[in-house]
């Protein structure tokens, strides 16, 4: 593995409490016999992220007990109920000082986005100023690669459930979009109706 490849750390946001799913934490929803958090970690690793940080929140102890997350850095977000923004801030803070040049940010409730799409976005990394996002029929989606030069700005604007949205909108011209619609389906598991996507 080249140094350049090792620069991109995986950052999985897996703290959600599944309010619209009867309070079932999304990380523990079963898909193909394993919790979603395991699938997402495996996809990040298969995409080439040797280092993966996982932000936990809702029922974090249950997730630690039931999911196999060896080798991951587990980050507790005590403010997970405030929304995805707090998890993104916690995750980026955990990467500070690791030497990572970028974070490949993935969401636990998007099992239709696998290693192939993640690898395409990760391949867009050039240096700490990189901003890369998957696109689906030209529309920006996840995963998103945030170069380290952007972390402070993202953390300063990440609030509620918007995550990096405000920052990315302000830096739209700098984002390299990578079409992934041919290899991934960007649905979210948010409501009971979405559970049909799980196998």
N, C-alpha and C. Protein backbone atom coordinates (compact mmCIF):
# COMPACT_ATOMS: atom_id res chain seq x y z
N UNK A 1 0.85 -1.19 0.00
CA UNK A 1 0.00 0.00 0.00
C UNK A 1 0.89 1.25 0.00
N UNK A 2 0.58 2.19 -0.88
CA UNK A 2 1.38 3.40 -0.92
C UNK A 2 0.97 4.32 0.22
N UNK A 3 1.88 5.27 0.52
CA UNK A 3 1.57 6.24 1.56
C UNK A 3 0.31 7.01 1.21
N UNK A 4 0.17 7.33 -0.07
CA UNK A 4 -0.98 8.11 -0.51
C UNK A 4 -2.28 7.38 -0.20
N UNK A 5 -2.29 6.07 -0.43
CA UNK A 5 -3.50 5.29 -0.17
C UNK A 5 -3.80 5.23 1.33
N UNK A 6 -2.74 5.15 2.12
CA UNK A 6 -2.91 5.01 3.57
C UNK A 6 -3.39 6.31 4.22
N UNK A 7 -3.39 7.38 3.43
CA UNK A 7 -3.78 8.68 3.96
C UNK A 7 -5.28 8.79 4.22
N UNK A 8 -6.08 7.96 3.58
CA UNK A 8 -7.53 8.09 3.69
C UNK A 8 -8.08 7.13 4.75
N UNK A 9 -8.60 7.71 5.82
CA UNK A 9 -9.21 6.90 6.89
C UNK A 9 -10.71 6.79 6.64
N UNK A 10 -11.28 5.65 6.98
CA UNK A 10 -12.74 5.50 6.90
C UNK A 10 -13.37 6.09 8.14
N UNK A 11 -14.47 6.82 7.97
CA UNK A 11 -15.20 7.39 9.10
C UNK A 11 -16.67 7.00 8.94
N UNK A 12 -17.10 6.08 9.79
CA UNK A 12 -18.47 5.57 9.72
C UNK A 12 -19.33 6.21 10.80
N UNK A 13 -20.40 6.87 10.38
CA UNK A 13 -21.34 7.48 11.32
C UNK A 13 -22.44 6.46 11.61
N UNK A 14 -22.42 5.93 12.84
CA UNK A 14 -23.31 4.81 13.19
C UNK A 14 -23.99 5.04 14.54
N UNK A 15 -24.29 6.30 14.85
CA UNK A 15 -24.80 6.63 16.18
C UNK A 15 -26.32 6.74 16.26
N UNK A 16 -26.98 6.75 15.12
CA UNK A 16 -28.42 7.04 15.09
C UNK A 16 -29.29 6.09 15.88
N UNK A 17 -30.32 6.65 16.49
CA UNK A 17 -31.21 5.86 17.35
C UNK A 17 -32.42 5.29 16.64
N UNK A 18 -32.58 5.57 15.36
CA UNK A 18 -33.72 5.02 14.62
C UNK A 18 -35.06 5.44 15.19
N UNK A 19 -35.22 6.74 15.42
CA UNK A 19 -36.48 7.26 15.99
C UNK A 19 -37.70 6.79 15.21
N UNK A 20 -37.59 6.81 13.88
CA UNK A 20 -38.73 6.42 13.03
C UNK A 20 -38.79 4.91 12.82
N UNK A 21 -37.90 4.21 13.50
CA UNK A 21 -37.89 2.73 13.42
C UNK A 21 -38.23 2.15 14.79
N UNK A 22 -38.98 2.89 15.56
CA UNK A 22 -39.36 2.41 16.89
C UNK A 22 -38.22 2.40 17.88
N UNK A 23 -37.21 3.25 17.62
CA UNK A 23 -36.09 3.34 18.55
C UNK A 23 -35.07 2.23 18.43
N UNK A 24 -35.06 1.54 17.29
CA UNK A 24 -34.03 0.51 17.08
C UNK A 24 -32.79 1.17 16.50
N UNK A 25 -31.64 1.06 17.16
CA UNK A 25 -30.44 1.70 16.61
C UNK A 25 -30.10 1.12 15.24
N UNK A 26 -29.81 2.00 14.31
CA UNK A 26 -29.56 1.55 12.94
C UNK A 26 -28.35 0.63 12.83
N UNK A 27 -27.35 0.87 13.67
CA UNK A 27 -26.13 0.07 13.61
C UNK A 27 -26.42 -1.42 13.79
N UNK A 28 -27.49 -1.75 14.54
CA UNK A 28 -27.77 -3.15 14.87
C UNK A 28 -28.85 -3.78 13.97
N UNK A 29 -29.40 -3.04 13.03
CA UNK A 29 -30.36 -3.65 12.11
C UNK A 29 -29.67 -4.78 11.36
N UNK A 30 -30.36 -5.91 11.22
CA UNK A 30 -29.74 -7.08 10.58
C UNK A 30 -29.88 -7.00 9.06
N UNK A 31 -28.79 -7.34 8.37
CA UNK A 31 -28.77 -7.39 6.90
C UNK A 31 -27.87 -8.55 6.51
N UNK A 32 -28.43 -9.53 5.83
CA UNK A 32 -27.66 -10.72 5.43
C UNK A 32 -26.95 -11.37 6.61
N UNK A 33 -27.66 -11.40 7.75
CA UNK A 33 -27.15 -12.13 8.91
C UNK A 33 -26.17 -11.38 9.79
N UNK A 34 -25.91 -10.12 9.48
CA UNK A 34 -24.97 -9.34 10.29
C UNK A 34 -25.53 -7.95 10.53
N UNK A 35 -25.11 -7.29 11.62
CA UNK A 35 -25.56 -5.91 11.87
C UNK A 35 -25.06 -4.97 10.76
N UNK A 36 -25.84 -3.95 10.47
CA UNK A 36 -25.44 -3.00 9.43
C UNK A 36 -24.07 -2.40 9.67
N UNK A 37 -23.71 -2.19 10.93
CA UNK A 37 -22.41 -1.58 11.21
C UNK A 37 -21.27 -2.46 10.71
N UNK A 38 -21.43 -3.78 10.77
CA UNK A 38 -20.39 -4.68 10.27
C UNK A 38 -20.28 -4.58 8.75
N UNK A 39 -21.43 -4.51 8.08
CA UNK A 39 -21.40 -4.39 6.62
C UNK A 39 -20.68 -3.12 6.19
N UNK A 40 -20.98 -2.02 6.87
CA UNK A 40 -20.38 -0.74 6.49
C UNK A 40 -18.88 -0.73 6.73
N UNK A 41 -18.44 -1.29 7.85
CA UNK A 41 -17.00 -1.37 8.13
C UNK A 41 -16.31 -2.23 7.07
N UNK A 42 -16.92 -3.37 6.74
CA UNK A 42 -16.32 -4.26 5.74
C UNK A 42 -16.21 -3.56 4.39
N UNK A 43 -17.22 -2.76 4.04
CA UNK A 43 -17.18 -2.05 2.76
C UNK A 43 -16.06 -1.01 2.74
N UNK A 44 -15.90 -0.27 3.84
CA UNK A 44 -14.81 0.71 3.91
C UNK A 44 -13.45 0.02 3.80
N UNK A 45 -13.31 -1.10 4.46
CA UNK A 45 -12.03 -1.82 4.39
C UNK A 45 -11.79 -2.35 2.98
N UNK A 46 -12.83 -2.91 2.36
CA UNK A 46 -12.70 -3.43 1.00
C UNK A 46 -12.39 -2.32 0.01
N UNK A 47 -12.81 -1.10 0.35
CA UNK A 47 -12.55 0.05 -0.51
C UNK A 47 -11.12 0.58 -0.33
N UNK A 48 -10.39 0.00 0.63
CA UNK A 48 -9.00 0.37 0.80
C UNK A 48 -8.68 1.21 2.02
N UNK A 49 -9.65 1.39 2.92
CA UNK A 49 -9.38 2.16 4.14
C UNK A 49 -8.82 1.23 5.21
N UNK A 50 -7.53 1.33 5.46
CA UNK A 50 -6.90 0.45 6.45
C UNK A 50 -7.31 0.84 7.86
N UNK A 51 -7.59 2.12 8.06
CA UNK A 51 -7.98 2.63 9.38
C UNK A 51 -9.43 3.08 9.32
N UNK A 52 -10.24 2.55 10.22
CA UNK A 52 -11.66 2.89 10.24
C UNK A 52 -12.06 3.34 11.65
N UNK A 53 -12.64 4.53 11.73
CA UNK A 53 -13.19 5.05 12.98
C UNK A 53 -14.71 4.95 12.89
N UNK A 54 -15.33 4.42 13.94
CA UNK A 54 -16.78 4.23 13.97
C UNK A 54 -17.36 5.05 15.10
N UNK A 55 -18.28 5.97 14.77
CA UNK A 55 -18.91 6.80 15.79
C UNK A 55 -20.19 6.11 16.26
N UNK A 56 -20.23 5.79 17.56
CA UNK A 56 -21.38 5.13 18.15
C UNK A 56 -22.14 6.09 19.06
N UNK A 57 -23.43 5.82 19.22
CA UNK A 57 -24.25 6.67 20.08
C UNK A 57 -25.35 5.87 20.73
N UNK A 58 -26.47 5.71 20.02
CA UNK A 58 -27.61 4.98 20.58
C UNK A 58 -27.20 3.56 20.95
N UNK A 59 -27.47 3.20 22.19
CA UNK A 59 -27.17 1.85 22.69
C UNK A 59 -25.76 1.39 22.32
N UNK A 60 -24.81 2.29 22.55
CA UNK A 60 -23.43 2.01 22.16
C UNK A 60 -22.90 0.72 22.79
N UNK A 61 -23.28 0.45 24.03
CA UNK A 61 -22.78 -0.76 24.69
C UNK A 61 -23.31 -2.01 23.99
N UNK A 62 -24.58 -1.99 23.57
CA UNK A 62 -25.14 -3.13 22.83
C UNK A 62 -24.40 -3.33 21.51
N UNK A 63 -24.10 -2.22 20.84
CA UNK A 63 -23.39 -2.33 19.57
C UNK A 63 -22.01 -2.94 19.79
N UNK A 64 -21.32 -2.47 20.82
CA UNK A 64 -19.99 -3.02 21.12
C UNK A 64 -20.07 -4.52 21.41
N UNK A 65 -21.14 -4.91 22.12
CA UNK A 65 -21.28 -6.31 22.53
C UNK A 65 -21.68 -7.22 21.37
N UNK A 66 -22.53 -6.72 20.47
CA UNK A 66 -23.11 -7.58 19.44
C UNK A 66 -22.43 -7.53 18.08
N UNK A 67 -21.71 -6.45 17.82
CA UNK A 67 -21.07 -6.31 16.50
C UNK A 67 -19.58 -6.63 16.61
N UNK A 68 -19.05 -7.23 15.55
CA UNK A 68 -17.63 -7.56 15.48
C UNK A 68 -16.92 -6.39 14.81
N UNK A 69 -16.20 -5.62 15.62
CA UNK A 69 -15.58 -4.39 15.11
C UNK A 69 -14.09 -4.34 15.45
N UNK A 70 -13.45 -5.51 15.42
CA UNK A 70 -12.02 -5.57 15.74
C UNK A 70 -11.23 -4.66 14.83
N UNK A 71 -10.26 -3.99 15.42
CA UNK A 71 -9.36 -3.16 14.62
C UNK A 71 -9.90 -1.77 14.34
N UNK A 72 -11.15 -1.53 14.67
CA UNK A 72 -11.73 -0.20 14.47
C UNK A 72 -11.48 0.66 15.71
N UNK A 73 -11.38 1.95 15.50
CA UNK A 73 -11.37 2.89 16.62
C UNK A 73 -12.83 3.26 16.88
N UNK A 74 -13.33 2.92 18.07
CA UNK A 74 -14.73 3.20 18.40
C UNK A 74 -14.81 4.52 19.15
N UNK A 75 -15.61 5.42 18.63
CA UNK A 75 -15.73 6.77 19.16
C UNK A 75 -17.13 6.94 19.74
N UNK A 76 -17.22 7.25 21.02
CA UNK A 76 -18.54 7.47 21.62
C UNK A 76 -18.97 8.91 21.44
N UNK A 77 -20.19 9.09 20.95
CA UNK A 77 -20.75 10.43 20.82
C UNK A 77 -21.88 10.57 21.84
N UNK A 78 -21.59 11.20 22.99
CA UNK A 78 -22.63 11.35 24.01
C UNK A 78 -23.77 12.27 23.56
N UNK A 79 -23.51 13.06 22.52
CA UNK A 79 -24.52 14.01 22.03
C UNK A 79 -25.24 13.49 20.79
N UNK A 80 -25.28 12.17 20.59
CA UNK A 80 -25.82 11.61 19.34
C UNK A 80 -27.26 12.05 19.07
N UNK A 81 -28.02 12.32 20.14
CA UNK A 81 -29.41 12.71 19.93
C UNK A 81 -29.53 14.07 19.26
N UNK A 82 -28.46 14.84 19.24
CA UNK A 82 -28.47 16.14 18.57
C UNK A 82 -28.44 15.99 17.05
N UNK A 83 -28.15 14.78 16.55
CA UNK A 83 -28.16 14.56 15.11
C UNK A 83 -26.79 14.25 14.55
N UNK A 84 -26.78 14.04 13.22
CA UNK A 84 -25.58 13.59 12.53
C UNK A 84 -24.42 14.56 12.66
N UNK A 85 -24.72 15.85 12.75
CA UNK A 85 -23.66 16.84 12.86
C UNK A 85 -22.74 16.58 14.04
N UNK A 86 -23.33 16.20 15.18
CA UNK A 86 -22.51 15.94 16.37
C UNK A 86 -21.63 14.71 16.17
N UNK A 87 -22.13 13.72 15.44
CA UNK A 87 -21.33 12.51 15.16
C UNK A 87 -20.18 12.82 14.21
N UNK A 88 -20.46 13.66 13.23
CA UNK A 88 -19.41 14.05 12.30
C UNK A 88 -18.31 14.81 13.03
N UNK A 89 -18.70 15.72 13.93
CA UNK A 89 -17.70 16.46 14.72
C UNK A 89 -16.87 15.51 15.58
N UNK A 90 -17.54 14.56 16.25
CA UNK A 90 -16.82 13.60 17.11
C UNK A 90 -15.86 12.76 16.29
N UNK A 91 -16.32 12.32 15.12
CA UNK A 91 -15.47 11.48 14.28
C UNK A 91 -14.25 12.22 13.76
N UNK A 92 -14.45 13.44 13.28
CA UNK A 92 -13.32 14.22 12.78
C UNK A 92 -12.35 14.53 13.91
N UNK A 93 -12.87 14.81 15.11
CA UNK A 93 -11.99 15.07 16.25
C UNK A 93 -11.14 13.85 16.57
N UNK A 94 -11.71 12.66 16.41
CA UNK A 94 -10.98 11.43 16.71
C UNK A 94 -9.86 11.18 15.70
N UNK A 95 -9.98 11.77 14.52
CA UNK A 95 -8.96 11.58 13.48
C UNK A 95 -7.83 12.59 13.59
N UNK A 96 -8.06 13.67 14.34
CA UNK A 96 -7.02 14.69 14.49
C UNK A 96 -5.79 14.05 15.13
N UNK A 97 -4.64 14.33 14.57
CA UNK A 97 -3.40 13.80 15.12
C UNK A 97 -3.05 12.39 14.66
N UNK A 98 -3.89 11.78 13.81
CA UNK A 98 -3.60 10.42 13.34
C UNK A 98 -2.71 10.43 12.10
N UNK A 99 -2.55 11.60 11.50
CA UNK A 99 -1.77 11.67 10.26
C UNK A 99 -2.61 11.44 9.02
N UNK A 100 -3.90 11.18 9.19
CA UNK A 100 -4.77 10.98 8.03
C UNK A 100 -4.87 12.27 7.23
N UNK A 101 -4.84 12.13 5.92
CA UNK A 101 -4.96 13.30 5.05
C UNK A 101 -6.39 13.57 4.66
N UNK A 102 -7.26 12.57 4.86
CA UNK A 102 -8.66 12.73 4.50
C UNK A 102 -9.49 11.69 5.22
N UNK A 103 -10.78 11.98 5.34
CA UNK A 103 -11.74 11.03 5.91
C UNK A 103 -12.75 10.68 4.83
N UNK A 104 -12.97 9.38 4.63
CA UNK A 104 -14.03 8.92 3.74
C UNK A 104 -15.24 8.66 4.62
N UNK A 105 -16.22 9.56 4.55
CA UNK A 105 -17.35 9.53 5.47
C UNK A 105 -18.49 8.72 4.88
N UNK A 106 -18.93 7.71 5.64
CA UNK A 106 -19.98 6.81 5.21
C UNK A 106 -21.07 6.75 6.29
N UNK A 107 -22.30 6.45 5.86
CA UNK A 107 -23.42 6.39 6.80
C UNK A 107 -23.86 4.94 6.98
N UNK A 108 -24.12 4.54 8.22
CA UNK A 108 -24.43 3.14 8.51
C UNK A 108 -25.76 2.70 7.90
N UNK A 109 -26.66 3.65 7.62
CA UNK A 109 -28.00 3.26 7.15
C UNK A 109 -28.13 3.28 5.64
N UNK A 110 -27.00 3.13 4.93
CA UNK A 110 -27.03 3.09 3.47
C UNK A 110 -26.35 1.81 2.95
N UNK A 111 -26.93 0.64 3.24
CA UNK A 111 -26.29 -0.61 2.84
C UNK A 111 -26.23 -0.82 1.33
N UNK A 112 -26.98 -0.03 0.57
CA UNK A 112 -26.93 -0.14 -0.89
C UNK A 112 -25.69 0.49 -1.49
N UNK A 113 -24.91 1.19 -0.65
CA UNK A 113 -23.66 1.79 -1.10
C UNK A 113 -22.53 0.92 -0.58
N UNK A 114 -21.88 0.22 -1.46
CA UNK A 114 -20.87 -0.75 -1.06
C UNK A 114 -19.46 -0.32 -1.39
N UNK A 115 -18.57 -1.30 -1.37
CA UNK A 115 -17.13 -1.03 -1.51
C UNK A 115 -16.78 -0.39 -2.84
N UNK A 116 -17.51 -0.74 -3.90
CA UNK A 116 -17.13 -0.23 -5.22
C UNK A 116 -17.30 1.29 -5.29
N UNK A 117 -18.45 1.77 -4.82
CA UNK A 117 -18.67 3.22 -4.81
C UNK A 117 -17.69 3.91 -3.87
N UNK A 118 -17.45 3.30 -2.70
CA UNK A 118 -16.52 3.89 -1.75
C UNK A 118 -15.12 3.98 -2.34
N UNK A 119 -14.71 2.94 -3.05
CA UNK A 119 -13.37 2.93 -3.66
C UNK A 119 -13.24 4.02 -4.72
N UNK A 120 -14.31 4.24 -5.49
CA UNK A 120 -14.26 5.29 -6.51
C UNK A 120 -14.06 6.66 -5.88
N UNK A 121 -14.80 6.92 -4.80
CA UNK A 121 -14.68 8.22 -4.14
C UNK A 121 -13.30 8.36 -3.51
N UNK A 122 -12.85 7.29 -2.86
CA UNK A 122 -11.54 7.31 -2.22
C UNK A 122 -10.43 7.57 -3.23
N UNK A 123 -10.59 7.05 -4.44
CA UNK A 123 -9.56 7.21 -5.48
C UNK A 123 -9.42 8.67 -5.92
N UNK A 124 -10.41 9.50 -5.56
CA UNK A 124 -10.32 10.91 -5.90
C UNK A 124 -9.42 11.71 -4.99
N UNK A 125 -8.90 11.08 -3.94
CA UNK A 125 -8.03 11.78 -2.99
C UNK A 125 -6.72 12.20 -3.65
N UNK A 126 -6.38 13.46 -3.48
CA UNK A 126 -5.09 13.96 -3.97
C UNK A 126 -4.23 14.46 -2.82
N UNK A 127 -4.83 15.28 -1.95
CA UNK A 127 -4.09 15.82 -0.81
C UNK A 127 -5.11 16.33 0.21
N UNK A 128 -4.62 17.01 1.23
CA UNK A 128 -5.49 17.45 2.31
C UNK A 128 -6.56 18.45 1.91
N UNK A 129 -6.45 19.01 0.69
CA UNK A 129 -7.46 19.96 0.25
C UNK A 129 -8.57 19.28 -0.56
N UNK A 130 -8.47 17.97 -0.76
CA UNK A 130 -9.45 17.26 -1.59
C UNK A 130 -10.86 17.30 -1.01
N UNK A 131 -11.83 17.45 -1.88
CA UNK A 131 -13.25 17.29 -1.55
C UNK A 131 -13.85 16.46 -2.68
N UNK A 132 -14.33 15.27 -2.33
CA UNK A 132 -14.85 14.35 -3.34
C UNK A 132 -16.17 13.77 -2.85
N UNK A 133 -17.13 13.61 -3.74
CA UNK A 133 -18.41 13.03 -3.33
C UNK A 133 -18.95 12.12 -4.42
N UNK A 134 -19.64 11.08 -3.97
CA UNK A 134 -20.36 10.23 -4.92
C UNK A 134 -21.52 11.03 -5.50
N UNK A 135 -21.87 10.71 -6.74
CA UNK A 135 -23.04 11.32 -7.36
C UNK A 135 -23.91 10.21 -7.93
N UNK A 136 -25.20 10.45 -7.91
CA UNK A 136 -26.17 9.49 -8.44
C UNK A 136 -27.02 10.24 -9.46
N UNK A 137 -26.81 9.90 -10.74
CA UNK A 137 -27.43 10.63 -11.84
C UNK A 137 -27.11 12.13 -11.71
N UNK A 138 -25.88 12.41 -11.32
CA UNK A 138 -25.41 13.78 -11.22
C UNK A 138 -25.72 14.50 -9.93
N UNK A 139 -26.48 13.87 -9.05
CA UNK A 139 -26.86 14.50 -7.78
C UNK A 139 -25.92 14.03 -6.67
N UNK A 140 -25.33 14.99 -5.94
CA UNK A 140 -24.36 14.65 -4.91
C UNK A 140 -24.99 13.83 -3.79
N UNK A 141 -24.25 12.80 -3.34
CA UNK A 141 -24.71 11.95 -2.25
C UNK A 141 -23.53 11.45 -1.44
N UNK A 142 -23.68 10.27 -0.85
CA UNK A 142 -22.61 9.66 -0.03
C UNK A 142 -22.00 8.49 -0.77
N UNK A 143 -20.78 8.10 -0.41
CA UNK A 143 -19.92 8.70 0.61
C UNK A 143 -19.29 10.00 0.14
N UNK A 144 -18.70 10.71 1.10
CA UNK A 144 -18.02 11.97 0.85
C UNK A 144 -16.61 11.88 1.41
N UNK A 145 -15.65 12.34 0.64
CA UNK A 145 -14.26 12.38 1.11
C UNK A 145 -13.92 13.82 1.49
N UNK A 146 -13.53 14.00 2.74
CA UNK A 146 -13.20 15.32 3.27
C UNK A 146 -11.70 15.38 3.56
N UNK A 147 -10.97 16.17 2.78
CA UNK A 147 -9.55 16.37 3.05
C UNK A 147 -9.37 17.05 4.40
N UNK A 148 -8.25 16.77 5.05
CA UNK A 148 -8.02 17.26 6.42
C UNK A 148 -8.06 18.79 6.51
N UNK A 149 -7.74 19.47 5.42
CA UNK A 149 -7.77 20.93 5.43
C UNK A 149 -9.18 21.47 5.63
N UNK A 150 -10.17 20.63 5.39
CA UNK A 150 -11.57 21.05 5.51
C UNK A 150 -12.20 20.67 6.85
N UNK A 151 -11.51 19.86 7.66
CA UNK A 151 -12.17 19.31 8.85
C UNK A 151 -12.65 20.39 9.81
N UNK A 152 -11.81 21.40 10.04
CA UNK A 152 -12.20 22.45 11.00
C UNK A 152 -13.44 23.20 10.50
N UNK A 153 -13.46 23.50 9.21
CA UNK A 153 -14.60 24.19 8.63
C UNK A 153 -15.87 23.36 8.68
N UNK A 154 -15.74 22.06 8.41
CA UNK A 154 -16.89 21.16 8.48
C UNK A 154 -17.41 21.09 9.91
N UNK A 155 -16.50 20.91 10.86
CA UNK A 155 -16.90 20.79 12.27
C UNK A 155 -17.59 22.07 12.76
N UNK A 156 -17.15 23.22 12.27
CA UNK A 156 -17.72 24.49 12.71
C UNK A 156 -19.14 24.69 12.20
N UNK A 157 -19.48 24.02 11.10
CA UNK A 157 -20.81 24.24 10.49
C UNK A 157 -21.73 23.03 10.61
N UNK A 158 -21.21 21.90 11.12
CA UNK A 158 -22.02 20.68 11.22
C UNK A 158 -22.98 20.80 12.40
N UNK A 159 -24.27 20.79 12.11
CA UNK A 159 -25.25 20.87 13.20
C UNK A 159 -26.50 20.08 12.84
N UNK A 160 -27.24 19.70 13.85
CA UNK A 160 -28.47 18.94 13.61
C UNK A 160 -28.23 17.71 12.76
N UNK A 161 -29.14 17.43 11.85
CA UNK A 161 -28.99 16.26 10.98
C UNK A 161 -28.39 16.63 9.63
N UNK A 162 -27.84 17.82 9.53
CA UNK A 162 -27.34 18.26 8.23
C UNK A 162 -25.91 17.82 7.96
N UNK A 163 -25.19 17.41 8.98
CA UNK A 163 -23.82 16.96 8.75
C UNK A 163 -22.99 18.03 8.07
N UNK A 164 -22.33 17.65 6.98
CA UNK A 164 -21.43 18.57 6.26
C UNK A 164 -22.16 19.37 5.19
N UNK A 165 -23.48 19.27 5.12
CA UNK A 165 -24.22 19.84 3.99
C UNK A 165 -23.94 21.32 3.76
N UNK A 166 -23.98 22.12 4.83
CA UNK A 166 -23.78 23.57 4.68
C UNK A 166 -22.38 23.87 4.16
N UNK A 167 -21.41 23.17 4.70
CA UNK A 167 -20.02 23.39 4.27
C UNK A 167 -19.85 23.01 2.80
N UNK A 168 -20.40 21.86 2.44
CA UNK A 168 -20.26 21.40 1.05
C UNK A 168 -20.97 22.34 0.08
N UNK A 169 -22.11 22.86 0.50
CA UNK A 169 -22.83 23.80 -0.36
C UNK A 169 -21.97 25.04 -0.59
N UNK A 170 -21.32 25.50 0.46
CA UNK A 170 -20.48 26.70 0.36
C UNK A 170 -19.23 26.46 -0.48
N UNK A 171 -18.83 25.19 -0.62
CA UNK A 171 -17.61 24.85 -1.37
C UNK A 171 -17.93 24.00 -2.60
N UNK A 172 -19.14 24.17 -3.11
CA UNK A 172 -19.62 23.35 -4.23
C UNK A 172 -18.63 23.31 -5.40
N UNK A 173 -18.04 24.44 -5.70
CA UNK A 173 -17.15 24.52 -6.87
C UNK A 173 -15.89 23.68 -6.71
N UNK A 174 -15.54 23.35 -5.47
CA UNK A 174 -14.30 22.59 -5.22
C UNK A 174 -14.53 21.07 -5.19
N UNK A 175 -15.80 20.65 -5.20
CA UNK A 175 -16.10 19.23 -5.02
C UNK A 175 -15.97 18.48 -6.34
N UNK A 176 -15.17 17.41 -6.32
CA UNK A 176 -15.09 16.51 -7.48
C UNK A 176 -16.18 15.46 -7.32
N UNK A 177 -17.12 15.43 -8.26
CA UNK A 177 -18.20 14.44 -8.20
C UNK A 177 -17.78 13.19 -8.96
N UNK A 178 -18.07 12.03 -8.38
CA UNK A 178 -17.74 10.74 -8.99
C UNK A 178 -19.05 9.97 -9.16
N UNK A 179 -19.44 9.74 -10.38
CA UNK A 179 -20.72 9.04 -10.62
C UNK A 179 -20.65 7.60 -10.11
N UNK A 180 -21.62 7.22 -9.29
CA UNK A 180 -21.65 5.87 -8.71
C UNK A 180 -23.00 5.18 -8.93
N UNK A 181 -23.88 5.81 -9.68
CA UNK A 181 -25.22 5.25 -9.86
C UNK A 181 -25.24 3.89 -10.52
N UNK A 182 -24.17 3.53 -11.21
CA UNK A 182 -24.12 2.22 -11.87
C UNK A 182 -23.71 1.11 -10.92
N UNK A 183 -23.17 1.47 -9.74
CA UNK A 183 -22.68 0.42 -8.83
C UNK A 183 -23.30 0.49 -7.43
N UNK A 184 -24.14 1.48 -7.18
CA UNK A 184 -24.68 1.63 -5.82
C UNK A 184 -26.08 2.21 -5.86
N UNK A 185 -26.84 1.92 -4.80
CA UNK A 185 -28.19 2.49 -4.65
C UNK A 185 -28.21 3.27 -3.34
N UNK A 186 -28.43 4.58 -3.42
CA UNK A 186 -28.26 5.44 -2.24
C UNK A 186 -29.48 5.60 -1.34
N UNK A 187 -30.27 4.54 -1.17
CA UNK A 187 -31.42 4.65 -0.27
C UNK A 187 -30.95 4.68 1.19
N UNK A 188 -31.78 5.28 2.05
CA UNK A 188 -31.54 5.29 3.50
C UNK A 188 -32.53 4.33 4.17
N UNK A 189 -32.10 3.75 5.28
CA UNK A 189 -33.03 2.97 6.12
C UNK A 189 -33.50 3.91 7.23
N UNK A 190 -34.61 4.60 6.98
CA UNK A 190 -35.09 5.59 7.94
C UNK A 190 -36.41 5.21 8.60
N UNK A 191 -37.27 4.53 7.84
CA UNK A 191 -38.61 4.22 8.34
C UNK A 191 -38.88 2.73 8.21
N UNK A 192 -39.98 2.30 8.80
CA UNK A 192 -40.38 0.88 8.70
C UNK A 192 -40.47 0.44 7.23
N UNK A 193 -40.99 1.33 6.38
CA UNK A 193 -41.14 1.00 4.96
C UNK A 193 -39.80 0.70 4.30
N UNK A 194 -38.73 1.34 4.79
CA UNK A 194 -37.41 1.15 4.19
C UNK A 194 -36.80 -0.21 4.53
N UNK A 195 -37.38 -0.90 5.52
CA UNK A 195 -36.80 -2.19 5.92
C UNK A 195 -36.89 -3.23 4.82
N UNK A 196 -37.71 -2.97 3.79
CA UNK A 196 -37.78 -3.92 2.67
C UNK A 196 -36.44 -4.07 1.98
N UNK A 197 -35.56 -3.07 2.14
CA UNK A 197 -34.26 -3.14 1.48
C UNK A 197 -33.29 -4.10 2.17
N UNK A 198 -33.61 -4.47 3.41
CA UNK A 198 -32.73 -5.37 4.15
C UNK A 198 -33.01 -6.81 3.78
N UNK A 199 -31.95 -7.61 3.73
CA UNK A 199 -32.12 -9.02 3.33
C UNK A 199 -31.84 -9.94 4.50
